């Protein structure tokens, strides 16, 4: 898939997404900066000029490649890594060749301006842009999802859950993830797994050091760039983005093997001192982890409490309950969904139903549900393939079928009709399915009411409002 900024093709460099390409390219800048410092040392006189020239060419090529991806997140990540690296270098060396740094900075600035990346990076401030404003909506929905399901929705399910239950109804875009690596991991893996991973990453950041300050600054800059780039896009699932961080870990491991220190280099590394340092780093990492995870949960709960739609997730039974906040529902509907019937974004349809009518809806999948559904005066709506699980429905429930799957033979159809559905909605365009069920109903003398949905195939999502109206008015 190709991406464009205006008429300009955004470089993907073999990646699926230009933002992922930018994250990969930006991760290599600290290696070049480190090699430039090493090549500039007086103990390498023979190859110094050739190496410096080659490294400057490579540095320029990396900046061109980064800018031509037109990735704002990649640019911010590279800038953050550069600032951190210069700060650490200044602290270690006491002086920085600001003349060369200024010349490089000016060249990069001109490249950004004349390429159009500066315009793309600032235009959204004056005129709202979907790729920026939508991100904020996705992140807000992601925080709400984390608060609603703190132990995770499972790998690869964050985008689907967001679109079904937390995406504003006026948004039409589709999302596979939450467009933010940490938030996606938090929503999918849960607060415990994410918190443990974040604590270990912070502990590694605070404690692992070598006896070479330039190498330390460079490798930590790689990690910082990867983290910042991942904040603006879901990069962790792309193997190529991990190349630079894995190389940095390898360099640190090699350097530590030849002399690694984990405390201030001027202070004795006695066992007691090392224990105190590790304990301090561990507690600091724990504090930051609690702030991040706790802050995410609080923000999500705060937004959920102010939303007109009240959502409750019961992961143990695979249920999602939705109702209007502050309104007493007149009816309770249990809907066993089939995405082939209600569409992949069935949650959006059901949200509109709840907001338009005084009903409480409990969404379930009877193939995964761990308990009976329905109850006295409840309506149980089975869609598509879900009709084969009628045994899970309480006997005193009003059962309704929507586009039920075709039975293998008439005997199976009669067995399924023992659930005594009150209403069966059949698609008018799927004549084979309709004819089979009409024959089974007629031969079994079932008293159920059959409603033919004219002009509708198996996907009845665009006709759902009419169906919901008939279900709500059914006695």
Protein backbone atom coordinates (compact mmCIF):
# COMPACT_ATOMS: atom_id res chain seq x y z
CA UNK A 1 0.00 0.00 0.00
CA UNK A 2 1.32 3.44 -0.93
CA UNK A 3 0.94 6.56 1.20
CA UNK A 4 1.03 10.15 -0.05
CA UNK A 5 1.43 13.62 1.39
CA UNK A 6 -0.35 15.72 -1.20
CA UNK A 7 1.18 14.54 -4.48
CA UNK A 8 4.41 13.41 -2.82
CA UNK A 9 4.94 9.69 -2.30
CA UNK A 10 5.97 8.88 1.27
CA UNK A 11 8.92 6.52 1.40
CA UNK A 12 8.10 3.20 3.06
CA UNK A 13 11.54 1.64 2.46
CA UNK A 14 10.05 -1.83 2.27
CA UNK A 15 7.89 -1.44 5.37
CA UNK A 16 4.12 -1.66 5.35
CA UNK A 17 3.80 1.81 6.88
CA UNK A 18 6.03 4.91 6.43
CA UNK A 19 5.81 5.57 10.19
CA UNK A 20 7.43 2.20 10.84
CA UNK A 21 10.12 2.97 8.28
CA UNK A 22 10.80 6.28 10.07
CA UNK A 23 11.07 4.51 13.44
CA UNK A 24 13.63 2.10 11.97
CA UNK A 25 15.70 4.83 10.30
CA UNK A 26 15.68 7.10 13.36
CA UNK A 27 17.01 4.28 15.52
CA UNK A 28 20.32 4.26 13.63
CA UNK A 29 21.19 7.93 14.22
CA UNK A 30 22.83 7.33 17.64
CA UNK A 31 25.16 4.72 16.13
CA UNK A 32 26.34 7.29 13.58
CA UNK A 33 26.78 9.96 16.27
CA UNK A 34 28.81 7.57 18.41
CA UNK A 35 31.05 6.57 15.48
CA UNK A 36 31.60 10.25 14.60
CA UNK A 37 32.86 10.91 18.12
CA UNK A 38 35.12 7.84 18.03
CA UNK A 39 36.48 8.74 14.58
CA UNK A 40 37.24 12.25 15.80
CA UNK A 41 39.50 11.06 18.61
CA UNK A 42 43.23 11.73 18.09
CA UNK A 43 44.18 8.06 18.58
CA UNK A 44 42.77 7.20 15.13
CA UNK A 45 44.82 9.44 12.78
CA UNK A 46 45.11 7.16 9.74
CA UNK A 47 41.48 6.57 8.84
CA UNK A 48 40.05 9.58 10.65
CA UNK A 49 39.23 11.81 7.64
CA UNK A 50 37.93 8.99 5.46
CA UNK A 51 35.76 7.63 8.26
CA UNK A 52 34.38 11.05 9.20
CA UNK A 53 33.53 11.80 5.56
CA UNK A 54 31.79 8.44 5.09
CA UNK A 55 29.87 8.87 8.33
CA UNK A 56 28.70 12.34 7.34
CA UNK A 57 27.42 10.94 4.04
CA UNK A 58 25.60 8.18 5.90
CA UNK A 59 24.23 10.73 8.35
CA UNK A 60 22.88 12.84 5.51
CA UNK A 61 21.33 9.83 3.79
CA UNK A 62 19.55 8.81 7.00
CA UNK A 63 18.10 12.29 7.42
CA UNK A 64 16.88 12.33 3.82
CA UNK A 65 15.31 8.91 4.25
CA UNK A 66 13.64 9.99 7.49
CA UNK A 67 12.29 13.24 6.07
CA UNK A 68 10.96 11.54 2.93
CA UNK A 69 8.80 9.26 5.04
CA UNK A 70 6.95 12.45 6.08
CA UNK A 71 6.50 10.90 9.51
CA UNK A 72 5.93 13.47 12.22
CA UNK A 73 6.31 10.87 14.95
CA UNK A 74 9.62 9.73 13.47
CA UNK A 75 10.86 13.33 13.37
CA UNK A 76 9.87 13.93 17.00
CA UNK A 77 11.59 10.68 18.02
CA UNK A 78 14.81 11.62 16.21
CA UNK A 79 14.71 15.08 17.78
CA UNK A 80 14.21 13.66 21.27
CA UNK A 81 17.09 11.24 20.80
CA UNK A 82 19.35 14.03 19.51
CA UNK A 83 18.60 16.33 22.45
CA UNK A 84 19.19 13.55 24.97
CA UNK A 85 22.43 12.48 23.29
CA UNK A 86 23.82 16.04 23.18
CA UNK A 87 22.88 16.58 26.84
CA UNK A 88 24.62 13.38 27.96
CA UNK A 89 27.66 14.08 25.77
CA UNK A 90 27.95 17.59 27.20
CA UNK A 91 27.79 16.24 30.75
CA UNK A 92 30.45 13.61 30.03
CA UNK A 93 32.85 15.60 27.85
CA UNK A 94 32.30 19.08 29.23
CA UNK A 95 32.34 20.57 25.74
CA UNK A 96 30.53 19.96 22.47
CA UNK A 97 31.62 21.20 18.99
CA UNK A 98 28.59 23.43 18.73
CA UNK A 99 29.76 24.86 15.39
CA UNK A 100 29.44 21.50 13.66
CA UNK A 101 26.27 20.67 15.53
CA UNK A 102 24.75 24.00 14.46
CA UNK A 103 25.72 23.44 10.82
CA UNK A 104 24.16 19.97 10.85
CA UNK A 105 21.07 21.31 12.56
CA UNK A 106 20.69 24.07 9.99
CA UNK A 107 21.04 21.60 7.11
CA UNK A 108 18.41 19.33 8.64
CA UNK A 109 16.10 22.28 9.27
CA UNK A 110 16.33 23.39 5.64
CA UNK A 111 15.70 19.85 4.47
CA UNK A 112 12.58 19.64 6.63
CA UNK A 113 11.30 23.01 5.40
CA UNK A 114 11.90 22.52 1.67
CA UNK A 115 10.63 18.93 1.64
CA UNK A 116 7.25 20.03 3.03
CA UNK A 117 7.54 18.03 6.27
CA UNK A 118 7.51 21.26 8.28
CA UNK A 119 4.20 22.21 6.68
CA UNK A 120 2.74 18.78 7.41
CA UNK A 121 3.97 18.94 11.00
CA UNK A 122 2.41 22.33 11.77
CA UNK A 123 -0.66 22.57 9.52
CA UNK A 124 -2.89 20.60 11.94
CA UNK A 125 -2.50 23.38 14.54
CA UNK A 126 -4.32 25.86 12.27
CA UNK A 127 -6.59 23.44 10.42
CA UNK A 128 -7.61 20.19 12.20
CA UNK A 129 -6.41 17.08 10.42
CA UNK A 130 -7.94 13.63 10.73
CA UNK A 131 -4.70 11.71 11.21
CA UNK A 132 -3.93 13.88 14.26
CA UNK A 133 -7.37 14.50 15.78
CA UNK A 134 -8.40 10.87 15.23
CA UNK A 135 -5.34 9.72 17.15
CA UNK A 136 -6.52 11.62 20.20
CA UNK A 137 -9.94 9.96 19.93
CA UNK A 138 -8.34 6.54 19.59
CA UNK A 139 -6.09 7.17 22.61
CA UNK A 140 -9.04 8.34 24.71
CA UNK A 141 -10.99 5.26 23.68
CA UNK A 142 -7.96 3.12 24.49
CA UNK A 143 -7.77 4.52 28.02
CA UNK A 144 -11.48 3.84 28.47
CA UNK A 145 -10.92 0.29 27.25
CA UNK A 146 -8.08 -0.21 29.74
CA UNK A 147 -10.30 0.99 32.59
CA UNK A 148 -13.17 -1.25 31.47
CA UNK A 149 -11.04 -4.38 30.95
CA UNK A 150 -7.93 -3.88 33.12
CA UNK A 151 -6.61 -7.42 32.62
CA UNK A 152 -6.52 -7.14 28.84
CA UNK A 153 -8.71 -8.00 25.87
CA UNK A 154 -6.22 -10.40 24.29
CA UNK A 155 -3.55 -10.04 21.65
CA UNK A 156 -4.80 -8.41 18.46
CA UNK A 157 -8.24 -7.47 19.84
CA UNK A 158 -7.69 -3.85 20.92
CA UNK A 159 -8.66 -2.26 17.60
CA UNK A 160 -11.81 -4.37 17.25
CA UNK A 161 -12.92 -3.62 20.82
CA UNK A 162 -12.29 0.08 20.32
CA UNK A 163 -14.32 0.24 17.10
CA UNK A 164 -17.24 -1.72 18.55
CA UNK A 165 -17.61 -0.04 21.94
CA UNK A 166 -15.48 3.11 22.33
CA UNK A 167 -15.14 4.74 18.90
CA UNK A 168 -17.30 7.87 18.50
CA UNK A 169 -20.21 7.02 16.23
CA UNK A 170 -19.36 9.85 13.85
CA UNK A 171 -15.94 8.32 13.11
CA UNK A 172 -15.85 5.86 10.20
CA UNK A 173 -12.16 4.90 10.16
CA UNK A 174 -11.07 1.35 10.86
CA UNK A 175 -8.31 0.50 13.36
CA UNK A 176 -6.40 -2.71 13.97
CA UNK A 177 -4.60 -1.35 17.04
CA UNK A 178 -4.75 1.78 19.21
CA UNK A 179 -2.06 3.58 17.13
CA UNK A 180 0.19 3.71 20.18
CA UNK A 181 2.52 0.88 21.15
CA UNK A 182 2.39 1.26 24.97
CA UNK A 183 -1.37 1.80 25.01
CA UNK A 184 -1.96 -1.17 22.70
CA UNK A 185 0.17 -3.42 24.91
CA UNK A 186 -1.59 -2.15 28.04
CA UNK A 187 -5.05 -2.76 26.56
CA UNK A 188 -4.24 -6.18 25.11
CA UNK A 189 -1.95 -7.70 27.75
CA UNK A 190 -3.44 -6.04 30.83
CA UNK A 191 -2.06 -3.94 33.66
CA UNK A 192 -0.08 -6.75 35.34
CA UNK A 193 1.88 -7.91 32.29
CA UNK A 194 2.38 -4.37 31.01
CA UNK A 195 3.35 -3.05 34.44
CA UNK A 196 5.93 -5.82 34.92
CA UNK A 197 7.40 -5.18 31.48
CA UNK A 198 7.56 -1.42 32.04
CA UNK A 199 9.20 -1.87 35.45
CA UNK A 200 11.89 -4.13 33.97
CA UNK A 201 12.51 -1.74 31.08
CA UNK A 202 12.90 1.23 33.44
CA UNK A 203 15.18 -0.74 35.73
CA UNK A 204 17.36 -1.59 32.74
CA UNK A 205 17.40 2.08 31.73
CA UNK A 206 18.41 3.34 35.18
CA UNK A 207 21.03 0.75 36.10
CA UNK A 208 22.85 -0.75 33.10
CA UNK A 209 25.90 1.39 32.31
CA UNK A 210 29.36 0.85 30.87
CA UNK A 211 32.63 2.69 31.43
CA UNK A 212 32.18 4.61 28.14
CA UNK A 213 29.84 7.63 28.53
CA UNK A 214 29.54 8.19 24.75
CA UNK A 215 28.45 4.60 24.24
CA UNK A 216 26.00 4.88 27.13
CA UNK A 217 24.45 8.04 25.70
CA UNK A 218 24.22 6.55 22.22
CA UNK A 219 22.62 3.25 23.21
CA UNK A 220 20.14 4.93 25.55
CA UNK A 221 19.28 7.32 22.74
CA UNK A 222 18.39 4.31 20.60
CA UNK A 223 15.97 3.09 23.27
CA UNK A 224 14.51 6.58 23.72
CA UNK A 225 13.96 7.01 19.97
CA UNK A 226 12.24 3.63 19.73
CA UNK A 227 9.97 4.47 22.68
CA UNK A 228 8.99 7.90 21.32
CA UNK A 229 8.37 6.55 17.81
CA UNK A 230 6.23 3.79 19.31
CA UNK A 231 4.14 6.37 21.12
CA UNK A 232 2.80 7.74 17.82
CA UNK A 233 2.30 4.42 16.04
CA UNK A 234 2.04 0.71 16.84
CA UNK A 235 5.59 -0.19 15.87
CA UNK A 236 6.36 -3.12 18.18
CA UNK A 237 4.71 -5.64 15.85
CA UNK A 238 7.09 -4.81 12.96
CA UNK A 239 10.34 -6.86 13.18
CA UNK A 240 12.42 -4.31 11.27
CA UNK A 241 11.81 -1.66 13.95
CA UNK A 242 13.57 -3.90 16.50
CA UNK A 243 16.86 -4.02 14.59
CA UNK A 244 18.40 -0.90 16.17
CA UNK A 245 17.29 -1.67 19.78
CA UNK A 246 18.53 -5.27 19.51
CA UNK A 247 21.87 -4.02 18.15
CA UNK A 248 22.07 -1.59 21.08
CA UNK A 249 21.49 -4.40 23.58
CA UNK A 250 24.18 -6.44 21.82
CA UNK A 251 26.68 -3.56 21.98
CA UNK A 252 25.95 -3.04 25.68
CA UNK A 253 26.34 -6.75 26.39
CA UNK A 254 29.66 -6.84 24.53
CA UNK A 255 30.92 -3.75 26.33
CA UNK A 256 29.81 -5.03 29.74
CA UNK A 257 31.71 -8.24 29.14
CA UNK A 258 34.84 -6.14 28.82
CA UNK A 259 34.21 -4.02 31.88
CA UNK A 260 30.76 -2.90 32.97
CA UNK A 261 29.91 -0.77 35.99
CA UNK A 262 26.45 -0.25 37.40
CA UNK A 263 27.13 2.68 39.70
CA UNK A 264 28.89 6.01 39.59
CA UNK A 265 32.25 5.32 37.99
CA UNK A 266 34.13 7.27 40.69
CA UNK A 267 32.48 5.41 43.57
CA UNK A 268 33.52 2.04 44.94
CA UNK A 269 31.20 -0.76 43.80
CA UNK A 270 31.02 -2.51 47.17
CA UNK A 271 28.24 -5.08 47.66
CA UNK A 272 26.37 -2.76 50.01
CA UNK A 273 26.66 0.17 47.59
CA UNK A 274 25.48 -1.95 44.67
CA UNK A 275 22.56 -3.29 46.71
CA UNK A 276 21.48 0.23 47.68
CA UNK A 277 21.80 1.44 44.08
CA UNK A 278 19.75 -1.44 42.71
CA UNK A 279 17.14 -0.96 45.41
CA UNK A 280 16.91 2.75 44.63
CA UNK A 281 16.60 2.09 40.92
CA UNK A 282 13.99 -0.60 41.55
CA UNK A 283 11.87 1.65 43.74
CA UNK A 284 12.16 4.54 41.27
CA UNK A 285 11.12 2.26 38.42
CA UNK A 286 8.23 0.96 40.49
CA UNK A 287 7.08 4.48 41.26
CA UNK A 288 7.10 5.50 37.60
CA UNK A 289 5.28 2.28 36.67
CA UNK A 290 2.56 2.91 39.26
CA UNK A 291 2.14 6.48 38.02
CA UNK A 292 1.82 5.39 34.38
CA UNK A 293 -0.50 2.44 34.95
CA UNK A 294 -2.49 4.09 37.74
CA UNK A 295 -2.80 7.32 35.79
CA UNK A 296 -4.09 5.42 32.74
CA UNK A 297 -6.71 3.62 34.83
CA UNK A 298 -7.86 6.81 36.55
CA UNK A 299 -8.10 8.71 33.25
CA UNK A 300 -10.09 5.87 31.70
CA UNK A 301 -12.51 5.62 34.63
CA UNK A 302 -12.96 9.40 34.63
CA UNK A 303 -13.92 9.41 30.94
CA UNK A 304 -16.17 6.34 31.28
CA UNK A 305 -18.06 7.94 34.15
CA UNK A 306 -18.87 10.98 31.99
CA UNK A 307 -20.00 9.05 28.92
CA UNK A 308 -23.71 8.78 28.15
CA UNK A 309 -23.29 5.07 27.39
CA UNK A 310 -22.59 2.84 30.38
CA UNK A 311 -20.47 -0.21 29.51
CA UNK A 312 -19.67 -3.23 31.66
CA UNK A 313 -17.41 -6.11 30.63
CA UNK A 314 -17.63 -9.55 32.20
CA UNK A 315 -14.58 -11.33 30.83
CA UNK A 316 -15.30 -14.53 32.76
CA UNK A 317 -18.56 -15.03 30.83
CA UNK A 318 -17.66 -13.19 27.64
CA UNK A 319 -20.39 -10.60 28.16
CA UNK A 320 -20.55 -6.90 27.31
CA UNK A 321 -23.44 -4.96 28.81
CA UNK A 322 -24.48 -1.54 27.56
CA UNK A 323 -27.23 0.83 28.68
CA UNK A 324 -27.97 4.53 28.85
CA UNK A 325 -26.41 6.04 31.94
CA UNK A 326 -28.98 7.20 34.47
CA UNK A 327 -31.97 5.67 32.65
CA UNK A 328 -33.99 2.69 33.86
CA UNK A 329 -34.29 0.21 30.96
CA UNK A 330 -37.71 -1.23 30.11
CA UNK A 331 -36.32 -4.33 28.42
CA UNK A 332 -33.20 -6.48 28.54
CA UNK A 333 -31.91 -7.97 25.28
CA UNK A 334 -29.33 -10.74 25.12
CA UNK A 335 -27.79 -10.65 21.65
CA UNK A 336 -25.65 -13.58 20.54
CA UNK A 337 -23.79 -11.88 17.73
CA UNK A 338 -22.56 -13.24 14.42
CA UNK A 339 -20.37 -10.67 12.60
CA UNK A 340 -21.46 -12.21 9.30
CA UNK A 341 -25.04 -11.13 10.08
CA UNK A 342 -24.66 -7.89 12.05
CA UNK A 343 -21.40 -6.83 10.38
CA UNK A 344 -17.89 -6.62 11.85
CA UNK A 345 -18.76 -3.40 13.72
CA UNK A 346 -21.92 -4.73 15.36
CA UNK A 347 -21.16 -2.80 18.55
CA UNK A 348 -21.82 0.50 16.82
CA UNK A 349 -25.28 -0.68 15.73
CA UNK A 350 -26.10 -1.80 19.25
CA UNK A 351 -24.86 1.48 20.75
CA UNK A 352 -27.35 3.37 18.57
CA UNK A 353 -30.09 0.95 19.62
CA UNK A 354 -29.40 1.61 23.29
CA UNK A 355 -29.27 5.37 22.82
CA UNK A 356 -32.56 5.39 20.87
CA UNK A 357 -34.58 3.05 23.12
CA UNK A 358 -34.88 2.31 26.85
CA UNK A 359 -33.22 -1.10 26.62
CA UNK A 360 -30.27 -2.83 28.22
CA UNK A 361 -28.25 -4.96 25.79
CA UNK A 362 -25.98 -7.82 26.80
CA UNK A 363 -23.73 -8.90 23.97
CA UNK A 364 -22.48 -12.48 24.09
CA UNK A 365 -21.08 -15.34 22.06
CA UNK A 366 -22.83 -18.56 23.04
CA UNK A 367 -19.97 -20.62 21.64
CA UNK A 368 -17.72 -19.07 24.33
CA UNK A 369 -20.22 -18.13 27.03
CA UNK A 370 -19.84 -19.91 30.37
CA UNK A 371 -23.39 -19.97 31.61
CA UNK A 372 -27.07 -19.67 30.61
CA UNK A 373 -28.39 -16.50 29.07
CA UNK A 374 -31.78 -14.87 29.28
CA UNK A 375 -34.38 -14.73 32.01
CA UNK A 376 -38.01 -13.88 32.70
CA UNK A 377 -39.19 -11.06 30.41
CA UNK A 378 -35.79 -10.98 28.65
CA UNK A 379 -35.46 -11.14 24.88
CA UNK A 380 -32.72 -13.43 23.56
CA UNK A 381 -31.74 -12.63 19.97
CA UNK A 382 -29.70 -15.31 18.20
CA UNK A 383 -27.96 -14.28 14.98
CA UNK A 384 -26.66 -16.54 12.22
CA UNK A 385 -24.59 -19.47 13.50
CA UNK A 386 -25.56 -18.74 17.11
CA UNK A 387 -28.96 -20.47 16.71
CA UNK A 388 -27.29 -23.87 17.10
CA UNK A 389 -26.58 -23.01 20.76
CA UNK A 390 -30.23 -22.71 21.81
CA UNK A 391 -29.61 -25.07 24.75
CA UNK A 392 -27.83 -22.21 26.55
CA UNK A 393 -31.01 -20.09 26.59
CA UNK A 394 -33.22 -19.98 29.70
CA UNK A 395 -36.65 -21.57 29.07
CA UNK A 396 -38.67 -18.53 30.16
CA UNK A 397 -36.96 -16.16 27.70
CA UNK A 398 -38.50 -14.75 24.55
CA UNK A 399 -36.31 -16.12 21.72
CA UNK A 400 -35.87 -14.31 18.41
CA UNK A 401 -33.78 -15.48 15.46
CA UNK A 402 -32.15 -13.18 12.95
CA UNK A 403 -30.90 -14.72 9.68
CA UNK A 404 -30.42 -18.17 11.25
CA UNK A 405 -27.91 -20.52 9.69
CA UNK A 406 -29.30 -23.21 7.38
CA UNK A 407 -29.76 -26.60 9.09
CA UNK A 408 -27.97 -29.59 7.59
CA UNK A 409 -31.29 -31.40 7.23
CA UNK A 410 -34.93 -31.07 8.27
CA UNK A 411 -34.39 -33.14 11.43
CA UNK A 412 -31.79 -30.67 12.70
CA UNK A 413 -34.10 -27.81 11.84
CA UNK A 414 -36.95 -29.33 13.87
CA UNK A 415 -34.58 -29.89 16.79
CA UNK A 416 -33.52 -26.26 16.67
CA UNK A 417 -37.15 -25.11 16.57
CA UNK A 418 -37.72 -26.76 19.95
CA UNK A 419 -36.30 -23.54 21.39
CA UNK A 420 -39.70 -22.05 20.38
CA UNK A 421 -38.54 -18.81 18.74
CA UNK A 422 -41.30 -16.20 18.72
CA UNK A 423 -40.03 -14.36 15.64
CA UNK A 424 -37.66 -15.42 12.87
CA UNK A 425 -36.23 -12.74 10.58
CA UNK A 426 -35.19 -14.25 7.24
CA UNK A 427 -33.21 -12.43 4.52
CA UNK A 428 -35.25 -11.92 1.38
CA UNK A 429 -32.34 -12.09 -1.03
CA UNK A 430 -30.90 -15.36 0.33
CA UNK A 431 -33.72 -17.40 -1.17
CA UNK A 432 -32.12 -20.78 -0.48
CA UNK A 433 -31.86 -20.09 3.23
CA UNK A 434 -35.38 -18.66 3.34
CA UNK A 435 -36.96 -21.57 1.46
CA UNK A 436 -35.33 -24.16 3.70
CA UNK A 437 -36.54 -22.52 6.89
CA UNK A 438 -40.04 -21.89 5.54
CA UNK A 439 -40.32 -25.59 4.68
CA UNK A 440 -39.03 -26.69 8.10
CA UNK A 441 -41.39 -24.30 9.93
CA UNK A 442 -44.36 -25.40 7.86
CA UNK A 443 -43.67 -29.13 8.29
CA UNK A 444 -43.07 -28.80 12.03
CA UNK A 445 -46.19 -26.64 12.44
CA UNK A 446 -44.21 -24.12 14.52
CA UNK A 447 -46.33 -21.17 15.74
CA UNK A 448 -43.45 -18.70 15.31
CA UNK A 449 -43.89 -15.55 13.27
CA UNK A 450 -41.72 -15.27 10.14
CA UNK A 451 -40.70 -11.85 8.82
CA UNK A 452 -39.01 -11.65 5.42
CA UNK A 453 -36.48 -8.80 5.13
CA UNK A 454 -36.91 -7.68 1.53
CA UNK A 455 -33.79 -6.66 -0.34
CA UNK A 456 -31.50 -8.02 2.37
CA UNK A 457 -28.83 -10.71 2.06
CA UNK A 458 -27.04 -12.41 4.94
CA UNK A 459 -25.63 -9.07 6.21
CA UNK A 460 -28.66 -7.36 7.72
CA UNK A 461 -26.76 -4.53 9.44
CA UNK A 462 -28.30 -1.77 7.32
CA UNK A 463 -31.76 -3.11 8.18
CA UNK A 464 -31.05 -3.48 11.89
CA UNK A 465 -32.93 -0.37 13.02
CA UNK A 466 -36.14 -1.72 11.50
CA UNK A 467 -35.54 -5.10 13.12
CA UNK A 468 -34.85 -3.48 16.51
CA UNK A 469 -38.11 -1.56 16.27
CA UNK A 470 -40.09 -4.78 15.68
CA UNK A 471 -38.26 -6.55 18.55
CA UNK A 472 -38.92 -3.67 20.95
CA UNK A 473 -42.65 -3.66 20.05
CA UNK A 474 -43.04 -7.43 20.20
CA UNK A 475 -45.21 -8.76 23.05
